[in-house]
Amino acid sequence: MNVNVKDTWIAKGYVDEPVPADVDVKAEIRRMCAEKNAVILAHYYTDGAIQDIADFVGDSLALAQWSAKTDADVIVMCGVHFMGETNKILCPDKKVLVLDLNAGCSLADSCKAEDLKDFVDAHPGYKVVSYVNTTAAVKALTDVVVTSSNAKLIVDSFPQDEKLIFGPDKNLGGYINTVTGREMLLWNGGCHVHGQFSLAKILAIKAEHPEAKILVHPECPAPVQKVADVIGSTAGLLNFAIKDDATEFIVATESGILHEMKKACPDKLFIPAPPETTEAEGCSCNECEFMKLNTLNKLYNTLKYEWPAIEVAPEIAEKAIKPIDKMLEISKNLKSAMSSK
């Protein structure tokens, strides 16, 4: 490989090589997966073409659970950077690849490890509950990790009088406080996608579709949550839409989930809740530009060159694995307890 070309890729954060026109990209991706014993994991917020070719599609909890048990030699994480870090922490002996190092997360960026340490030091006696949308360094300062799927169950596993810090998403933390009756200290962070949904526009759509149910992710602001018929994780909203008798839904989360909703329920109408600012641009969807950095061409090149690969410093990984393992253990135990009832 030409050194100057590799340097250009490193500077850009992804393999910038055109795929030959005569290459069947999808077929080659599957061939390379078989050849390299690689598995493709994709988040619900990625582009539909990525979801369709993935071996497994899920939310953050399901992706973590899947990576923890896979026997693949190579994990290709189609999502954002912290998801690749989580996979690497869970699977230190496997090669973990991401498609673009620029695929970050505004929520993870809203909580720097050094700032969280100062906050924790200023509140002695508190345990730290961190959302999975955080860096490995933040997880290393955490007592237990949660996802939007299991946050309530895990917070409920603590004694009612336990003093807790919850971060970084203030909207999710506020929601969990409401449904658990707690007063956790909340980090003042948020997701730029979920934070910009327009309540007025959602209500206008509801007026046009009065029978539609409003599905809201708990990362959305409280006023949007208040008009929801259902508040839940990405997977939770999908499962509700599949099982519910309603035929129309207004969906207030990243619009990538509509791909799976439409596949699962082709006879139902799913309307993406609009943000404040994109109507003038001719799009009513609310998209995460970081998730949309995942493309088929990048997936092809990432598998071909096995780069970019995620590494986590051993001293960080050693600490970060503990709260992740605790989350997975609590989730497993709670699931077993519920299924036995």
Protein backbone atom coordinates (compact mmCIF):
# COMPACT_ATOMS: atom_id res chain seq x y z
CA MET A 1 0.00 0.00 0.00
CA ASN A 2 1.32 3.45 -0.93
CA VAL A 3 2.42 5.23 2.27
CA ASN A 4 1.14 8.61 1.06
CA VAL A 5 -2.26 7.09 0.29
CA LYS A 6 -2.45 5.56 3.79
CA ASP A 7 -1.50 8.91 5.30
CA THR A 8 -4.39 10.50 3.40
CA TRP A 9 -6.78 7.88 4.74
CA ILE A 10 -5.55 8.44 8.28
CA ALA A 11 -6.06 12.18 7.91
CA LYS A 12 -9.61 11.64 6.63
CA GLY A 13 -10.47 8.94 9.16
CA TYR A 14 -11.70 6.37 6.62
CA VAL A 15 -10.51 4.48 3.54
CA ASP A 16 -10.96 6.89 0.67
CA GLU A 17 -10.69 4.52 -2.28
CA PRO A 18 -13.24 4.31 -5.11
CA VAL A 19 -14.86 0.92 -5.53
CA PRO A 20 -14.40 -0.36 -9.11
CA ALA A 21 -17.55 -0.04 -11.19
CA ASP A 22 -17.58 -3.75 -12.05
CA VAL A 23 -17.58 -4.84 -8.40
CA ASP A 24 -20.80 -6.15 -6.89
CA VAL A 25 -20.33 -4.35 -3.59
CA LYS A 26 -22.91 -6.30 -1.61
CA ALA A 27 -21.70 -9.68 -2.87
CA GLU A 28 -18.08 -8.77 -2.14
CA ILE A 29 -18.95 -7.63 1.37
CA ARG A 30 -20.58 -10.97 2.10
CA ARG A 31 -17.68 -12.86 0.51
CA MET A 32 -15.12 -11.00 2.62
CA CYS A 33 -17.16 -11.63 5.76
CA ALA A 34 -17.05 -15.36 5.10
CA GLU A 35 -13.34 -15.25 4.23
CA LYS A 36 -12.33 -13.22 7.29
CA ASN A 37 -14.87 -14.69 9.74
CA ALA A 38 -16.25 -11.19 10.16
CA VAL A 39 -19.63 -10.12 11.45
CA ILE A 40 -21.40 -6.87 10.60
CA LEU A 41 -23.35 -5.15 13.36
CA ALA A 42 -25.52 -2.13 12.56
CA HIS A 43 -27.52 0.31 14.62
CA TYR A 44 -31.12 1.13 13.73
CA TYR A 45 -30.08 4.70 12.90
CA THR A 46 -27.78 3.77 10.02
CA ASP A 47 -28.89 3.91 6.39
CA GLY A 48 -31.29 1.21 5.23
CA ALA A 49 -28.73 -0.30 2.85
CA ILE A 50 -26.36 -0.86 5.78
CA GLN A 51 -29.11 -2.41 7.90
CA ASP A 52 -30.12 -4.76 5.09
CA ILE A 53 -26.63 -6.21 4.65
CA ALA A 54 -25.79 -6.47 8.36
CA ASP A 55 -25.73 -9.77 10.23
CA PHE A 56 -27.46 -8.15 13.17
CA VAL A 57 -29.34 -4.87 13.58
CA GLY A 58 -30.27 -3.53 16.99
CA ASP A 59 -30.15 -0.81 19.60
CA SER A 60 -27.17 -0.17 21.87
CA LEU A 61 -28.09 -2.85 24.42
CA ALA A 62 -28.69 -5.56 21.82
CA LEU A 63 -25.48 -4.69 19.97
CA ALA A 64 -23.46 -4.93 23.18
CA GLN A 65 -25.09 -8.24 24.08
CA TRP A 66 -24.46 -9.60 20.59
CA SER A 67 -20.79 -8.58 20.48
CA ALA A 68 -20.22 -10.12 23.91
CA LYS A 69 -21.19 -13.57 22.63
CA THR A 70 -20.04 -13.64 18.99
CA ASP A 71 -17.36 -16.11 17.89
CA ALA A 72 -16.35 -13.98 14.91
CA ASP A 73 -12.71 -12.93 14.56
CA VAL A 74 -13.63 -9.49 13.20
CA ILE A 75 -16.47 -7.23 14.30
CA VAL A 76 -17.48 -4.44 11.94
CA MET A 77 -19.49 -1.89 13.90
CA CYS A 78 -21.70 0.25 11.69
CA GLY A 79 -22.70 3.00 14.05
CA VAL A 80 -20.70 5.59 15.93
CA HIS A 81 -17.33 5.61 17.66
CA PHE A 82 -18.41 4.83 21.23
CA MET A 83 -20.14 1.68 19.96
CA GLY A 84 -16.87 0.48 18.47
CA GLU A 85 -15.15 1.19 21.79
CA THR A 86 -17.80 -0.79 23.67
CA ASN A 87 -17.30 -3.74 21.32
CA LYS A 88 -13.52 -3.58 21.76
CA ILE A 89 -13.83 -3.44 25.54
CA LEU A 90 -16.10 -6.49 25.51
CA CYS A 91 -13.97 -8.32 22.92
CA PRO A 92 -10.32 -7.29 23.50
CA ASP A 93 -8.96 -10.23 21.51
CA LYS A 94 -11.04 -9.50 18.41
CA LYS A 95 -10.40 -6.95 15.69
CA VAL A 96 -13.08 -4.27 15.91
CA LEU A 97 -13.54 -2.06 12.86
CA VAL A 98 -15.60 1.08 12.29
CA LEU A 99 -16.32 2.63 8.91
CA ASP A 100 -15.40 6.22 9.69
CA LEU A 101 -13.53 7.63 12.68
CA ASN A 102 -15.45 10.88 12.21
CA ALA A 103 -18.68 9.14 13.22
CA GLY A 104 -18.81 10.58 16.71
CA CYS A 105 -21.71 11.36 19.03
CA SER A 106 -22.83 14.75 20.28
CA LEU A 107 -24.10 13.17 23.48
CA ALA A 108 -20.79 11.47 24.23
CA ASP A 109 -19.01 14.73 23.41
CA SER A 110 -21.15 16.57 25.96
CA CYS A 111 -19.44 14.71 28.82
CA LYS A 112 -15.66 14.77 29.00
CA ALA A 113 -14.00 12.34 31.41
CA GLU A 114 -12.03 15.04 33.21
CA ASP A 115 -15.17 17.12 33.72
CA LEU A 116 -17.13 14.14 35.03
CA LYS A 117 -14.30 13.31 37.45
CA ASP A 118 -14.44 16.85 38.85
CA PHE A 119 -18.22 16.56 39.22
CA VAL A 120 -17.97 13.19 40.98
CA ASP A 121 -15.23 14.49 43.29
CA ALA A 122 -17.51 17.40 44.22
CA HIS A 123 -20.29 14.95 45.22
CA PRO A 124 -18.73 12.29 47.46
CA GLY A 125 -20.91 9.33 48.34
CA TYR A 126 -22.67 9.22 44.98
CA LYS A 127 -22.58 6.29 42.59
CA VAL A 128 -22.34 7.02 38.87
CA VAL A 129 -24.85 5.70 36.35
CA SER A 130 -23.66 6.45 32.82
CA TYR A 131 -25.58 6.12 29.60
CA VAL A 132 -23.90 3.86 27.07
CA ASN A 133 -23.53 6.90 24.78
CA THR A 134 -20.23 7.83 26.42
CA THR A 135 -16.53 7.38 25.79
CA ALA A 136 -14.56 4.51 27.27
CA ALA A 137 -12.84 7.02 29.58
CA VAL A 138 -16.21 8.08 31.02
CA LYS A 139 -17.28 4.46 31.43
CA ALA A 140 -14.08 3.92 33.41
CA LEU A 141 -15.39 6.43 35.98
CA THR A 142 -18.79 4.74 36.15
CA ASP A 143 -20.39 2.24 38.54
CA VAL A 144 -22.87 0.87 36.02
CA VAL A 145 -23.71 1.58 32.38
CA VAL A 146 -27.29 1.75 31.12
CA THR A 147 -29.08 2.01 27.81
CA SER A 148 -32.47 3.54 27.15
CA SER A 149 -33.84 -0.03 27.07
CA ASN A 150 -32.76 -0.93 30.59
CA ALA A 151 -32.15 2.39 32.39
CA LYS A 152 -35.28 2.22 34.56
CA LEU A 153 -34.73 -1.43 35.50
CA ILE A 154 -31.10 -0.84 36.44
CA VAL A 155 -31.80 2.34 38.41
CA ASP A 156 -34.58 0.46 40.21
CA SER A 157 -32.03 -2.18 41.21
CA PHE A 158 -30.37 0.35 43.54
CA PRO A 159 -31.84 1.00 47.01
CA GLN A 160 -34.34 3.87 46.90
CA ASP A 161 -32.14 6.02 49.13
CA GLU A 162 -28.96 5.44 47.08
CA LYS A 163 -27.40 8.71 45.97
CA LEU A 164 -26.91 8.58 42.19
CA ILE A 165 -25.37 10.73 39.50
CA PHE A 166 -26.87 10.13 36.05
CA GLY A 167 -25.24 11.28 32.85
CA PRO A 168 -24.81 12.52 30.33
CA ASP A 169 -28.35 12.80 28.90
CA LYS A 170 -30.43 15.14 31.05
CA ASN A 171 -33.66 14.29 29.21
CA LEU A 172 -33.30 10.55 29.72
CA GLY A 173 -32.20 11.14 33.31
CA GLY A 174 -35.18 13.40 33.95
CA TYR A 175 -37.52 10.78 32.52
CA ILE A 176 -36.00 8.06 34.71
CA ASN A 177 -36.36 10.32 37.76
CA THR A 178 -40.04 10.75 36.89
CA VAL A 179 -40.84 7.07 36.48
CA THR A 180 -38.78 5.91 39.48
CA GLY A 181 -39.59 8.71 41.93
CA ARG A 182 -35.90 9.43 42.42
CA GLU A 183 -33.90 12.64 42.49
CA MET A 184 -30.70 11.63 40.72
CA LEU A 185 -28.22 14.40 40.03
CA LEU A 186 -28.27 14.94 36.27
CA TRP A 187 -25.37 15.81 34.00
CA ASN A 188 -26.35 18.62 31.66
CA GLY A 189 -25.80 16.83 28.35
CA GLY A 190 -27.99 15.96 25.40
CA CYS A 191 -28.31 14.50 21.91
CA HIS A 192 -28.39 17.11 19.17
CA VAL A 193 -30.84 15.01 17.15
CA HIS A 194 -33.40 14.24 19.84
CA GLY A 195 -33.06 17.70 21.32
CA GLN A 196 -34.30 19.50 18.21
CA PHE A 197 -37.69 17.90 17.64
CA SER A 198 -40.42 20.50 17.16
CA LEU A 199 -43.36 20.09 19.51
CA ALA A 200 -45.46 22.49 17.41
CA LYS A 201 -44.81 20.50 14.23
CA ILE A 202 -45.55 17.20 15.95
CA LEU A 203 -48.88 18.57 17.15
CA ALA A 204 -49.63 19.88 13.65
CA ILE A 205 -49.07 16.38 12.22
CA LYS A 206 -51.24 14.94 14.98
CA ALA A 207 -54.02 17.31 13.97
CA GLU A 208 -53.79 15.95 10.40
CA HIS A 209 -53.62 12.35 11.65
CA PRO A 210 -55.75 12.31 14.81
CA GLU A 211 -55.67 8.51 15.09
CA ALA A 212 -51.86 8.35 14.93
CA LYS A 213 -49.98 7.37 18.06
CA ILE A 214 -46.93 9.41 19.00
CA LEU A 215 -43.80 7.35 19.73
CA VAL A 216 -41.08 9.24 21.60
CA HIS A 217 -37.52 8.37 22.60
CA PRO A 218 -36.64 9.40 26.19
CA GLU A 219 -33.70 11.49 24.93
CA CYS A 220 -36.32 13.98 23.67
CA PRO A 221 -37.10 17.06 25.79
CA ALA A 222 -39.83 16.82 28.43
CA PRO A 223 -42.45 18.83 26.44
CA VAL A 224 -42.19 16.28 23.59
CA GLN A 225 -42.37 13.41 26.07
CA LYS A 226 -45.58 14.84 27.52
CA VAL A 227 -47.51 14.40 24.25
CA ALA A 228 -46.28 10.83 23.74
CA ASP A 229 -48.53 7.81 23.68
CA VAL A 230 -45.44 5.70 24.30
CA ILE A 231 -41.94 6.61 25.53
CA GLY A 232 -39.31 3.98 24.88
CA SER A 233 -35.96 2.94 23.50
CA THR A 234 -35.48 2.49 19.79
CA ALA A 235 -36.14 -1.23 20.08
CA GLY A 236 -39.03 -0.57 22.43
CA LEU A 237 -40.72 1.78 19.98
CA LEU A 238 -40.22 -0.72 17.16
CA ASN A 239 -41.72 -3.55 19.18
CA PHE A 240 -44.70 -1.41 20.20
CA ALA A 241 -45.39 -0.46 16.59
CA ILE A 242 -45.30 -4.10 15.56
CA LYS A 243 -47.68 -5.29 18.30
CA ASP A 244 -50.09 -2.36 18.55
CA ASP A 245 -53.35 -2.26 16.62
CA ALA A 246 -52.85 1.34 15.48
CA THR A 247 -52.06 1.83 11.80
CA GLU A 248 -50.48 5.30 11.96
CA PHE A 249 -47.53 6.44 14.06
CA ILE A 250 -45.63 9.70 14.49
CA VAL A 251 -42.07 8.72 15.35
CA ALA A 252 -39.89 11.07 17.42
CA THR A 253 -36.46 9.50 17.20
CA GLU A 254 -33.74 9.34 14.55
CA SER A 255 -35.45 8.54 11.27
CA GLY A 256 -33.28 5.51 10.47
CA ILE A 257 -35.59 3.38 12.60
CA LEU A 258 -38.38 3.92 10.06
CA HIS A 259 -36.59 1.52 7.70
CA GLU A 260 -37.08 -1.41 10.07
CA MET A 261 -40.56 -0.25 11.08
CA LYS A 262 -41.69 -0.21 7.45
CA LYS A 263 -40.12 -3.61 6.79
CA ALA A 264 -41.82 -5.11 9.81
CA CYS A 265 -45.18 -3.38 9.24
CA PRO A 266 -45.60 -2.61 5.52
CA ASP A 267 -49.31 -1.89 5.94
CA LYS A 268 -48.80 0.79 8.59
CA LEU A 269 -47.93 4.47 8.13
CA PHE A 270 -44.87 5.83 9.91
CA ILE A 271 -44.42 9.61 9.90
CA PRO A 272 -41.05 11.00 10.98
CA ALA A 273 -41.43 13.74 13.58
CA PRO A 274 -39.76 16.87 12.17
CA PRO A 275 -37.06 19.01 13.78
CA GLU A 276 -37.23 22.77 14.02
CA THR A 277 -34.89 23.61 11.15
CA THR A 278 -35.05 21.23 8.16
CA GLU A 279 -38.40 22.11 6.61
CA ALA A 280 -36.83 24.88 4.50
CA GLU A 281 -34.37 22.32 3.15
CA GLY A 282 -37.21 20.15 1.89
CA CYS A 283 -36.79 17.31 4.37
CA SER A 284 -39.03 16.46 7.30
CA CYS A 285 -36.68 13.80 8.69
CA ASN A 286 -34.48 14.25 11.73
CA GLU A 287 -31.20 12.50 10.94
CA CYS A 288 -27.92 11.96 12.75
CA GLU A 289 -25.20 13.05 10.37
CA PHE A 290 -22.71 10.85 12.23
CA MET A 291 -24.74 7.69 11.67
CA LYS A 292 -25.16 8.61 8.02
CA LEU A 293 -21.36 8.57 7.57
CA ASN A 294 -21.73 4.78 7.36
CA THR A 295 -21.99 3.81 3.67
CA LEU A 296 -21.73 0.61 1.65
CA ASN A 297 -18.55 1.81 -0.08
CA LYS A 298 -16.89 2.49 3.27
CA LEU A 299 -18.05 -0.90 4.53
CA TYR A 300 -16.48 -2.57 1.49
CA ASN A 301 -13.16 -0.75 1.97
CA THR A 302 -13.12 -1.24 5.74
CA LEU A 303 -13.46 -5.00 5.28
CA LYS A 304 -10.94 -5.05 2.46
CA TYR A 305 -8.21 -3.19 4.35
CA GLU A 306 -9.36 -4.01 7.92
CA TRP A 307 -9.09 -0.36 8.87
CA PRO A 308 -10.01 1.80 10.77
CA ALA A 309 -9.54 -0.46 13.79
CA ILE A 310 -10.56 0.60 17.29
CA GLU A 311 -8.10 0.39 20.16
CA VAL A 312 -8.77 1.19 23.80
CA ALA A 313 -5.92 1.80 26.25
CA PRO A 314 -5.59 -1.27 28.52
CA GLU A 315 -5.80 0.77 31.73
CA ILE A 316 -9.06 2.37 30.52
CA ALA A 317 -10.51 -0.90 29.21
CA GLU A 318 -9.77 -2.67 32.51
CA LYS A 319 -11.93 -0.14 34.39
CA ALA A 320 -14.58 0.37 31.69
CA ILE A 321 -15.39 -3.34 31.36
CA LYS A 322 -16.69 -3.52 34.94
CA PRO A 323 -19.73 -1.22 34.58
CA ILE A 324 -20.54 -2.73 31.17
CA ASP A 325 -20.40 -6.26 32.57
CA LYS A 326 -22.54 -5.12 35.50
CA MET A 327 -25.15 -3.77 33.07
CA LEU A 328 -25.20 -7.00 31.09
CA GLU A 329 -25.41 -9.09 34.26
CA ILE A 330 -28.27 -7.05 35.75
CA SER A 331 -30.12 -7.08 32.41
CA LYS A 332 -29.72 -10.86 32.14
CA ASN A 333 -30.88 -11.43 35.71
CA LEU A 334 -33.84 -9.12 35.37
CA LYS A 335 -34.86 -10.77 32.10
CA SER A 336 -34.65 -14.20 33.71
CA ALA A 337 -36.69 -13.04 36.71
CA MET A 338 -39.39 -11.55 34.48
CA SER A 339 -39.61 -14.62 32.25
CA SER A 340 -40.03 -16.90 35.26
CA LYS A 341 -43.11 -15.06 36.51
